[in-house]
Amino acid sequence: MTELLDPAPRIRVRLGPDGSPTHLESAAGWQPVSQILDRWRIDCDWWRDRIAREYWRLLLDDELALECYQDHASGDWFIQRIYD
């Protein structure tokens, strides 16, 4: 079961040398990323308001899986989905 967050809340992310997320900030502090489960990029709607995002499915502390993305236009990060 998943929970879609709409609107997606903005989060702070620490990146490793290769640009991949290593930590996400939550109310409990910085949470380490245990594993990157998947990664993909979306570039669409160039004829209107362009959407350019890089999505990441991450596992935090070997317990919580979530989907987040970086909006390449603003550079901001957001959590879009939480997996049970």
PDB file of N, CA and C in Angstrom:
ATOM      1  N   MET A   1       0.845  -1.175   0.000  1.00  0.00           N
ATOM      2  CA  MET A   1       0.000   0.000   0.000  1.00  0.00           C
ATOM      3  C   MET A   1       0.892   1.241   0.000  1.00  0.00           C
ATOM      4  N   THR A   2       0.463   2.268  -0.706  1.00  0.00           N
ATOM      5  CA  THR A   2       1.249   3.492  -0.756  1.00  0.00           C
ATOM      6  C   THR A   2       0.380   4.688  -0.388  1.00  0.00           C
ATOM      7  N   GLU A   3       1.039   5.743   0.028  1.00  0.00           N
ATOM      8  CA  GLU A   3       0.362   6.996   0.314  1.00  0.00           C
ATOM      9  C   GLU A   3       0.939   8.063  -0.616  1.00  0.00           C
ATOM     10  N   LEU A   4       0.094   8.620  -1.465  1.00  0.00           N
ATOM     11  CA  LEU A   4       0.493   9.696  -2.357  1.00  0.00           C
ATOM     12  C   LEU A   4       0.321  11.017  -1.626  1.00  0.00           C
ATOM     13  N   LEU A   5       1.352  11.814  -1.571  1.00  0.00           N
ATOM     14  CA  LEU A   5       1.314  13.103  -0.878  1.00  0.00           C
ATOM     15  C   LEU A   5       1.002  14.193  -1.895  1.00  0.00           C
ATOM     16  N   ASP A   6      -0.152  14.827  -1.740  1.00  0.00           N
ATOM     17  CA  ASP A   6      -0.579  15.851  -2.686  1.00  0.00           C
ATOM     18  C   ASP A   6      -1.151  17.031  -1.915  1.00  0.00           C
ATOM     19  N   PRO A   7      -0.461  18.139  -1.891  1.00  0.00           N
ATOM     20  CA  PRO A   7       0.753  18.433  -2.646  1.00  0.00           C
ATOM     21  C   PRO A   7       1.985  17.796  -1.996  1.00  0.00           C
ATOM     22  N   ALA A   8       2.972  17.561  -2.797  1.00  0.00           N
ATOM     23  CA  ALA A   8       4.222  16.961  -2.316  1.00  0.00           C
ATOM     24  C   ALA A   8       4.973  17.977  -1.454  1.00  0.00           C
ATOM     25  N   PRO A   9       5.275  17.627  -0.192  1.00  0.00           N
ATOM     26  CA  PRO A   9       6.016  18.567   0.661  1.00  0.00           C
ATOM     27  C   PRO A   9       7.487  18.676   0.260  1.00  0.00           C
ATOM     28  N   ARG A  10       8.019  19.853   0.417  1.00  0.00           N
ATOM     29  CA  ARG A  10       9.437  20.086   0.123  1.00  0.00           C
ATOM     30  C   ARG A  10      10.282  19.504   1.257  1.00  0.00           C
ATOM     31  N   ILE A  11      11.438  18.972   0.914  1.00  0.00           N
ATOM     32  CA  ILE A  11      12.362  18.417   1.903  1.00  0.00           C
ATOM     33  C   ILE A  11      13.777  18.905   1.609  1.00  0.00           C
ATOM     34  N   ARG A  12      14.624  18.756   2.605  1.00  0.00           N
ATOM     35  CA  ARG A  12      16.051  19.047   2.407  1.00  0.00           C
ATOM     36  C   ARG A  12      16.780  17.723   2.244  1.00  0.00           C
ATOM     37  N   VAL A  13      17.763  17.722   1.352  1.00  0.00           N
ATOM     38  CA  VAL A  13      18.475  16.498   0.990  1.00  0.00           C
ATOM     39  C   VAL A  13      19.970  16.774   0.983  1.00  0.00           C
ATOM     40  N   ARG A  14      20.729  15.836   1.517  1.00  0.00           N
ATOM     41  CA  ARG A  14      22.187  15.870   1.378  1.00  0.00           C
ATOM     42  C   ARG A  14      22.561  14.927   0.252  1.00  0.00           C
ATOM     43  N   LEU A  15      23.501  15.373  -0.575  1.00  0.00           N
ATOM     44  CA  LEU A  15      23.919  14.592  -1.736  1.00  0.00           C
ATOM     45  C   LEU A  15      25.342  14.087  -1.576  1.00  0.00           C
ATOM     46  N   GLY A  16      25.600  12.935  -2.157  1.00  0.00           N
ATOM     47  CA  GLY A  16      26.952  12.394  -2.190  1.00  0.00           C
ATOM     48  C   GLY A  16      27.729  12.994  -3.345  1.00  0.00           C
ATOM     49  N   PRO A  17      29.002  12.628  -3.495  1.00  0.00           N
ATOM     50  CA  PRO A  17      29.845  13.167  -4.561  1.00  0.00           C
ATOM     51  C   PRO A  17      29.307  12.888  -5.966  1.00  0.00           C
ATOM     52  N   ASP A  18      28.539  11.816  -6.118  1.00  0.00           N
ATOM     53  CA  ASP A  18      27.985  11.476  -7.434  1.00  0.00           C
ATOM     54  C   ASP A  18      26.619  12.130  -7.689  1.00  0.00           C
ATOM     55  N   GLY A  19      26.127  12.936  -6.728  1.00  0.00           N
ATOM     56  CA  GLY A  19      24.853  13.629  -6.889  1.00  0.00           C
ATOM     57  C   GLY A  19      23.647  12.855  -6.417  1.00  0.00           C
ATOM     58  N   SER A  20      23.859  11.673  -5.862  1.00  0.00           N
ATOM     59  CA  SER A  20      22.727  10.887  -5.364  1.00  0.00           C
ATOM     60  C   SER A  20      22.442  11.251  -3.898  1.00  0.00           C
ATOM     61  N   PRO A  21      21.168  11.142  -3.478  1.00  0.00           N
ATOM     62  CA  PRO A  21      20.814  11.488  -2.101  1.00  0.00           C
ATOM     63  C   PRO A  21      21.428  10.522  -1.095  1.00  0.00           C
ATOM     64  N   THR A  22      22.002  11.068  -0.030  1.00  0.00           N
ATOM     65  CA  THR A  22      22.572  10.244   1.039  1.00  0.00           C
ATOM     66  C   THR A  22      21.788  10.383   2.338  1.00  0.00           C
ATOM     67  N   HIS A  23      21.120  11.523   2.537  1.00  0.00           N
ATOM     68  CA  HIS A  23      20.338  11.781   3.749  1.00  0.00           C
ATOM     69  C   HIS A  23      19.145  12.666   3.401  1.00  0.00           C
ATOM     70  N   LEU A  24      18.019  12.431   4.094  1.00  0.00           N
ATOM     71  CA  LEU A  24      16.840  13.285   3.986  1.00  0.00           C
ATOM     72  C   LEU A  24      16.535  13.840   5.365  1.00  0.00           C
ATOM     73  N   GLU A  25      16.140  15.093   5.430  1.00  0.00           N
ATOM     74  CA  GLU A  25      15.817  15.701   6.723  1.00  0.00           C
ATOM     75  C   GLU A  25      14.343  15.480   7.043  1.00  0.00           C
ATOM     76  N   SER A  26      14.080  15.053   8.283  1.00  0.00           N
ATOM     77  CA  SER A  26      12.709  14.871   8.762  1.00  0.00           C
ATOM     78  C   SER A  26      12.586  15.548  10.120  1.00  0.00           C
ATOM     79  N   ALA A  27      11.420  15.440  10.716  1.00  0.00           N
ATOM     80  CA  ALA A  27      11.209  16.015  12.047  1.00  0.00           C
ATOM     81  C   ALA A  27      12.145  15.367  13.069  1.00  0.00           C
ATOM     82  N   ALA A  28      12.560  14.129  12.818  1.00  0.00           N
ATOM     83  CA  ALA A  28      13.464  13.406  13.724  1.00  0.00           C
ATOM     84  C   ALA A  28      14.934  13.706  13.446  1.00  0.00           C
ATOM     85  N   GLY A  29      15.223  14.528  12.463  1.00  0.00           N
ATOM     86  CA  GLY A  29      16.604  14.847  12.106  1.00  0.00           C
ATOM     87  C   GLY A  29      16.948  14.269  10.744  1.00  0.00           C
ATOM     88  N   TRP A  30      18.240  14.170  10.468  1.00  0.00           N
ATOM     89  CA  TRP A  30      18.702  13.655   9.181  1.00  0.00           C
ATOM     90  C   TRP A  30      18.628  12.135   9.171  1.00  0.00           C
ATOM     91  N   GLN A  31      17.940  11.578   8.188  1.00  0.00           N
ATOM     92  CA  GLN A  31      17.770  10.137   8.035  1.00  0.00           C
ATOM     93  C   GLN A  31      18.686   9.644   6.921  1.00  0.00           C
ATOM     94  N   PRO A  32      19.530   8.644   7.189  1.00  0.00           N
ATOM     95  CA  PRO A  32      20.419   8.136   6.138  1.00  0.00           C
ATOM     96  C   PRO A  32      19.662   7.293   5.108  1.00  0.00           C
ATOM     97  N   VAL A  33      20.071   7.397   3.860  1.00  0.00           N
ATOM     98  CA  VAL A  33      19.527   6.560   2.791  1.00  0.00           C
ATOM     99  C   VAL A  33      20.292   5.242   2.817  1.00  0.00           C
ATOM    100  N   SER A  34      19.583   4.139   3.042  1.00  0.00           N
ATOM    101  CA  SER A  34      20.220   2.820   3.085  1.00  0.00           C
ATOM    102  C   SER A  34      20.476   2.270   1.698  1.00  0.00           C
ATOM    103  N   GLN A  35      19.522   2.530   0.795  1.00  0.00           N
ATOM    104  CA  GLN A  35      19.638   1.950  -0.546  1.00  0.00           C
ATOM    105  C   GLN A  35      18.835   2.790  -1.540  1.00  0.00           C
ATOM    106  N   ILE A  36      19.364   2.929  -2.739  1.00  0.00           N
ATOM    107  CA  ILE A  36      18.623   3.541  -3.840  1.00  0.00           C
ATOM    108  C   ILE A  36      17.970   2.389  -4.596  1.00  0.00           C
ATOM    109  N   LEU A  37      16.649   2.349  -4.582  1.00  0.00           N
ATOM    110  CA  LEU A  37      15.907   1.253  -5.195  1.00  0.00           C
ATOM    111  C   LEU A  37      15.653   1.468  -6.683  1.00  0.00           C
ATOM    112  N   ASP A  38      15.493   2.726  -7.081  1.00  0.00           N
ATOM    113  CA  ASP A  38      15.216   3.028  -8.487  1.00  0.00           C
ATOM    114  C   ASP A  38      15.486   4.509  -8.725  1.00  0.00           C
ATOM    115  N   ARG A  39      15.662   4.852  -9.993  1.00  0.00           N
ATOM    116  CA  ARG A  39      15.937   6.244 -10.368  1.00  0.00           C
ATOM    117  C   ARG A  39      15.492   6.443 -11.809  1.00  0.00           C
ATOM    118  N   TRP A  40      14.795   7.539 -12.078  1.00  0.00           N
ATOM    119  CA  TRP A  40      14.371   7.854 -13.446  1.00  0.00           C
ATOM    120  C   TRP A  40      14.157   9.349 -13.587  1.00  0.00           C
ATOM    121  N   ARG A  41      14.134   9.800 -14.814  1.00  0.00           N
ATOM    122  CA  ARG A  41      13.997  11.227 -15.125  1.00  0.00           C
ATOM    123  C   ARG A  41      12.784  11.430 -16.021  1.00  0.00           C
ATOM    124  N   ILE A  42      12.082  12.544 -15.793  1.00  0.00           N
ATOM    125  CA  ILE A  42      10.935  12.923 -16.611  1.00  0.00           C
ATOM    126  C   ILE A  42      11.188  14.309 -17.177  1.00  0.00           C
ATOM    127  N   ASP A  43      11.094  14.423 -18.479  1.00  0.00           N
ATOM    128  CA  ASP A  43      11.148  15.704 -19.185  1.00  0.00           C
ATOM    129  C   ASP A  43       9.944  15.725 -20.120  1.00  0.00           C
ATOM    130  N   CYS A  44       8.967  16.579 -19.837  1.00  0.00           N
ATOM    131  CA  CYS A  44       7.784  16.614 -20.683  1.00  0.00           C
ATOM    132  C   CYS A  44       7.117  17.987 -20.659  1.00  0.00           C
ATOM    133  N   ASP A  45       6.102  18.123 -21.478  1.00  0.00           N
ATOM    134  CA  ASP A  45       5.324  19.362 -21.600  1.00  0.00           C
ATOM    135  C   ASP A  45       6.188  20.560 -21.938  1.00  0.00           C
ATOM    136  N   TRP A  46       7.125  20.393 -22.826  1.00  0.00           N
ATOM    137  CA  TRP A  46       8.017  21.491 -23.204  1.00  0.00           C
ATOM    138  C   TRP A  46       7.268  22.619 -23.892  1.00  0.00           C
ATOM    139  N   TRP A  47       6.097  22.342 -24.477  1.00  0.00           N
ATOM    140  CA  TRP A  47       5.336  23.370 -25.171  1.00  0.00           C
ATOM    141  C   TRP A  47       4.509  24.226 -24.218  1.00  0.00           C
ATOM    142  N   ARG A  48       4.394  23.844 -22.955  1.00  0.00           N
ATOM    143  CA  ARG A  48       3.689  24.625 -21.929  1.00  0.00           C
ATOM    144  C   ARG A  48       4.690  24.924 -20.824  1.00  0.00           C
ATOM    145  N   ASP A  49       4.302  24.651 -19.606  1.00  0.00           N
ATOM    146  CA  ASP A  49       5.217  24.776 -18.468  1.00  0.00           C
ATOM    147  C   ASP A  49       6.011  23.479 -18.374  1.00  0.00           C
ATOM    148  N   ARG A  50       7.245  23.537 -18.727  1.00  0.00           N
ATOM    149  CA  ARG A  50       8.083  22.340 -18.793  1.00  0.00           C
ATOM    150  C   ARG A  50       8.212  21.678 -17.431  1.00  0.00           C
ATOM    151  N   ILE A  51       8.160  20.373 -17.431  1.00  0.00           N
ATOM    152  CA  ILE A  51       8.396  19.574 -16.226  1.00  0.00           C
ATOM    153  C   ILE A  51       9.692  18.819 -16.441  1.00  0.00           C
ATOM    154  N   ALA A  52      10.661  19.079 -15.589  1.00  0.00           N
ATOM    155  CA  ALA A  52      11.951  18.388 -15.652  1.00  0.00           C
ATOM    156  C   ALA A  52      12.290  17.943 -14.239  1.00  0.00           C
ATOM    157  N   ARG A  53      12.118  16.651 -13.986  1.00  0.00           N
ATOM    158  CA  ARG A  53      12.320  16.103 -12.645  1.00  0.00           C
ATOM    159  C   ARG A  53      13.154  14.828 -12.701  1.00  0.00           C
ATOM    160  N   GLU A  54      13.909  14.626 -11.636  1.00  0.00           N
ATOM    161  CA  GLU A  54      14.617  13.362 -11.444  1.00  0.00           C
ATOM    162  C   GLU A  54      14.007  12.701 -10.214  1.00  0.00           C
ATOM    163  N   TYR A  55      13.462  11.506 -10.423  1.00  0.00           N
ATOM    164  CA  TYR A  55      12.799  10.762  -9.352  1.00  0.00           C
ATOM    165  C   TYR A  55      13.743   9.737  -8.751  1.00  0.00           C
ATOM    166  N   TRP A  56      13.575   9.497  -7.458  1.00  0.00           N
ATOM    167  CA  TRP A  56      14.378   8.518  -6.733  1.00  0.00           C
ATOM    168  C   TRP A  56      13.449   7.713  -5.828  1.00  0.00           C
ATOM    169  N   ARG A  57      13.525   6.398  -5.886  1.00  0.00           N
ATOM    170  CA  ARG A  57      12.852   5.542  -4.909  1.00  0.00           C
ATOM    171  C   ARG A  57      13.937   5.094  -3.946  1.00  0.00           C
ATOM    172  N   LEU A  58      13.759   5.463  -2.664  1.00  0.00           N
ATOM    173  CA  LEU A  58      14.809   5.285  -1.663  1.00  0.00           C
ATOM    174  C   LEU A  58      14.323   4.430  -0.501  1.00  0.00           C
ATOM    175  N   LEU A  59      15.253   3.759   0.132  1.00  0.00           N
ATOM    176  CA  LEU A  59      15.007   3.025   1.364  1.00  0.00           C
ATOM    177  C   LEU A  59      15.784   3.729   2.464  1.00  0.00           C
ATOM    178  N   LEU A  60      15.075   4.119   3.530  1.00  0.00           N
ATOM    179  CA  LEU A  60      15.701   4.809   4.656  1.00  0.00           C
ATOM    180  C   LEU A  60      15.813   3.865   5.833  1.00  0.00           C
ATOM    181  N   ASP A  61      16.979   3.772   6.411  1.00  0.00           N
ATOM    182  CA  ASP A  61      17.221   2.938   7.595  1.00  0.00           C
ATOM    183  C   ASP A  61      16.686   1.519   7.456  1.00  0.00           C
ATOM    184  N   ASP A  62      16.658   0.988   6.246  1.00  0.00           N
ATOM    185  CA  ASP A  62      16.176  -0.370   5.971  1.00  0.00           C
ATOM    186  C   ASP A  62      14.741  -0.597   6.424  1.00  0.00           C
ATOM    187  N   GLU A  63      13.949   0.475   6.588  1.00  0.00           N
ATOM    188  CA  GLU A  63      12.579   0.329   7.075  1.00  0.00           C
ATOM    189  C   GLU A  63      11.550   1.028   6.203  1.00  0.00           C
ATOM    190  N   LEU A  64      11.837   2.231   5.777  1.00  0.00           N
ATOM    191  CA  LEU A  64      10.852   3.065   5.103  1.00  0.00           C
ATOM    192  C   LEU A  64      11.263   3.307   3.659  1.00  0.00           C
ATOM    193  N   ALA A  65      10.383   2.940   2.733  1.00  0.00           N
ATOM    194  CA  ALA A  65      10.625   3.217   1.315  1.00  0.00           C
ATOM    195  C   ALA A  65       9.790   4.421   0.925  1.00  0.00           C
ATOM    196  N   LEU A  66      10.399   5.316   0.149  1.00  0.00           N
ATOM    197  CA  LEU A  66       9.667   6.487  -0.316  1.00  0.00           C
ATOM    198  C   LEU A  66      10.155   6.895  -1.681  1.00  0.00           C
ATOM    199  N   GLU A  67       9.346   7.721  -2.319  1.00  0.00           N
ATOM    200  CA  GLU A  67       9.668   8.240  -3.638  1.00  0.00           C
ATOM    201  C   GLU A  67       9.791   9.751  -3.521  1.00  0.00           C
ATOM    202  N   CYS A  68      10.914  10.281  -3.949  1.00  0.00           N
ATOM    203  CA  CYS A  68      11.112  11.720  -3.916  1.00  0.00           C
ATOM    204  C   CYS A  68      11.628  12.163  -5.278  1.00  0.00           C
ATOM    205  N   TYR A  69      11.586  13.456  -5.506  1.00  0.00           N
ATOM    206  CA  TYR A  69      12.098  13.973  -6.765  1.00  0.00           C
ATOM    207  C   TYR A  69      12.737  15.331  -6.576  1.00  0.00           C
ATOM    208  N   GLN A  70      13.636  15.654  -7.484  1.00  0.00           N
ATOM    209  CA  GLN A  70      14.233  16.979  -7.547  1.00  0.00           C
ATOM    210  C   GLN A  70      13.669  17.674  -8.775  1.00  0.00           C
ATOM    211  N   ASP A  71      13.106  18.859  -8.559  1.00  0.00           N
ATOM    212  CA  ASP A  71      12.619  19.688  -9.656  1.00  0.00           C
ATOM    213  C   ASP A  71      13.836  20.409 -10.228  1.00  0.00           C
ATOM    214  N   HIS A  72      14.185  20.112 -11.466  1.00  0.00           N
ATOM    215  CA  HIS A  72      15.400  20.682 -12.043  1.00  0.00           C
ATOM    216  C   HIS A  72      15.270  22.171 -12.361  1.00  0.00           C
ATOM    217  N   ALA A  73      14.048  22.675 -12.486  1.00  0.00           N
ATOM    218  CA  ALA A  73      13.859  24.112 -12.735  1.00  0.00           C
ATOM    219  C   ALA A  73      14.207  24.927 -11.495  1.00  0.00           C
ATOM    220  N   SER A  74      13.780  24.449 -10.308  1.00  0.00           N
ATOM    221  CA  SER A  74      14.021  25.195  -9.068  1.00  0.00           C
ATOM    222  C   SER A  74      15.182  24.641  -8.247  1.00  0.00           C
ATOM    223  N   GLY A  75      15.498  23.358  -8.444  1.00  0.00           N
ATOM    224  CA  GLY A  75      16.517  22.698  -7.629  1.00  0.00           C
ATOM    225  C   GLY A  75      15.964  22.145  -6.323  1.00  0.00           C
ATOM    226  N   ASP A  76      14.673  22.381  -6.037  1.00  0.00           N
ATOM    227  CA  ASP A  76      14.046  21.910  -4.797  1.00  0.00           C
ATOM    228  C   ASP A  76      13.743  20.419  -4.864  1.00  0.00           C
ATOM    229  N   TRP A  77      13.708  19.798  -3.676  1.00  0.00           N
ATOM    230  CA  TRP A  77      13.388  18.383  -3.529  1.00  0.00           C
ATOM    231  C   TRP A  77      12.027  18.241  -2.855  1.00  0.00           C
ATOM    232  N   PHE A  78      11.294  17.182  -3.222  1.00  0.00           N
ATOM    233  CA  PHE A  78       9.962  16.919  -2.682  1.00  0.00           C
ATOM    234  C   PHE A  78       9.773  15.434  -2.442  1.00  0.00           C
ATOM    235  N   ILE A  79       8.967  15.075  -1.431  1.00  0.00           N
ATOM    236  CA  ILE A  79       8.536  13.688  -1.222  1.00  0.00           C
ATOM    237  C   ILE A  79       7.171  13.560  -1.874  1.00  0.00           C
ATOM    238  N   GLN A  80       7.019  12.560  -2.747  1.00  0.00           N
ATOM    239  CA  GLN A  80       5.756  12.370  -3.443  1.00  0.00           C
ATOM    240  C   GLN A  80       4.978  11.159  -2.961  1.00  0.00           C
ATOM    241  N   ARG A  81       5.668  10.113  -2.506  1.00  0.00           N
ATOM    242  CA  ARG A  81       4.966   8.883  -2.148  1.00  0.00           C
ATOM    243  C   ARG A  81       5.717   8.165  -1.036  1.00  0.00           C
ATOM    244  N   ILE A  82       4.945   7.562  -0.123  1.00  0.00           N
ATOM    245  CA  ILE A  82       5.504   6.744   0.952  1.00  0.00           C
ATOM    246  C   ILE A  82       4.943   5.335   0.797  1.00  0.00           C
ATOM    247  N   TYR A  83       5.820   4.346   0.852  1.00  0.00           N
ATOM    248  CA  TYR A  83       5.433   2.937   0.701  1.00  0.00           C
ATOM    249  C   TYR A  83       5.403   2.260   2.052  1.00  0.00           C
ATOM    250  N   ASP A  84       4.375   1.424   2.270  1.00  0.00           N
ATOM    251  CA  ASP A  84       4.292   0.644   3.510  1.00  0.00           C
ATOM    252  C   ASP A  84       4.998  -0.681   3.355  1.00  0.00           C
TER     253      ASP A  84
END
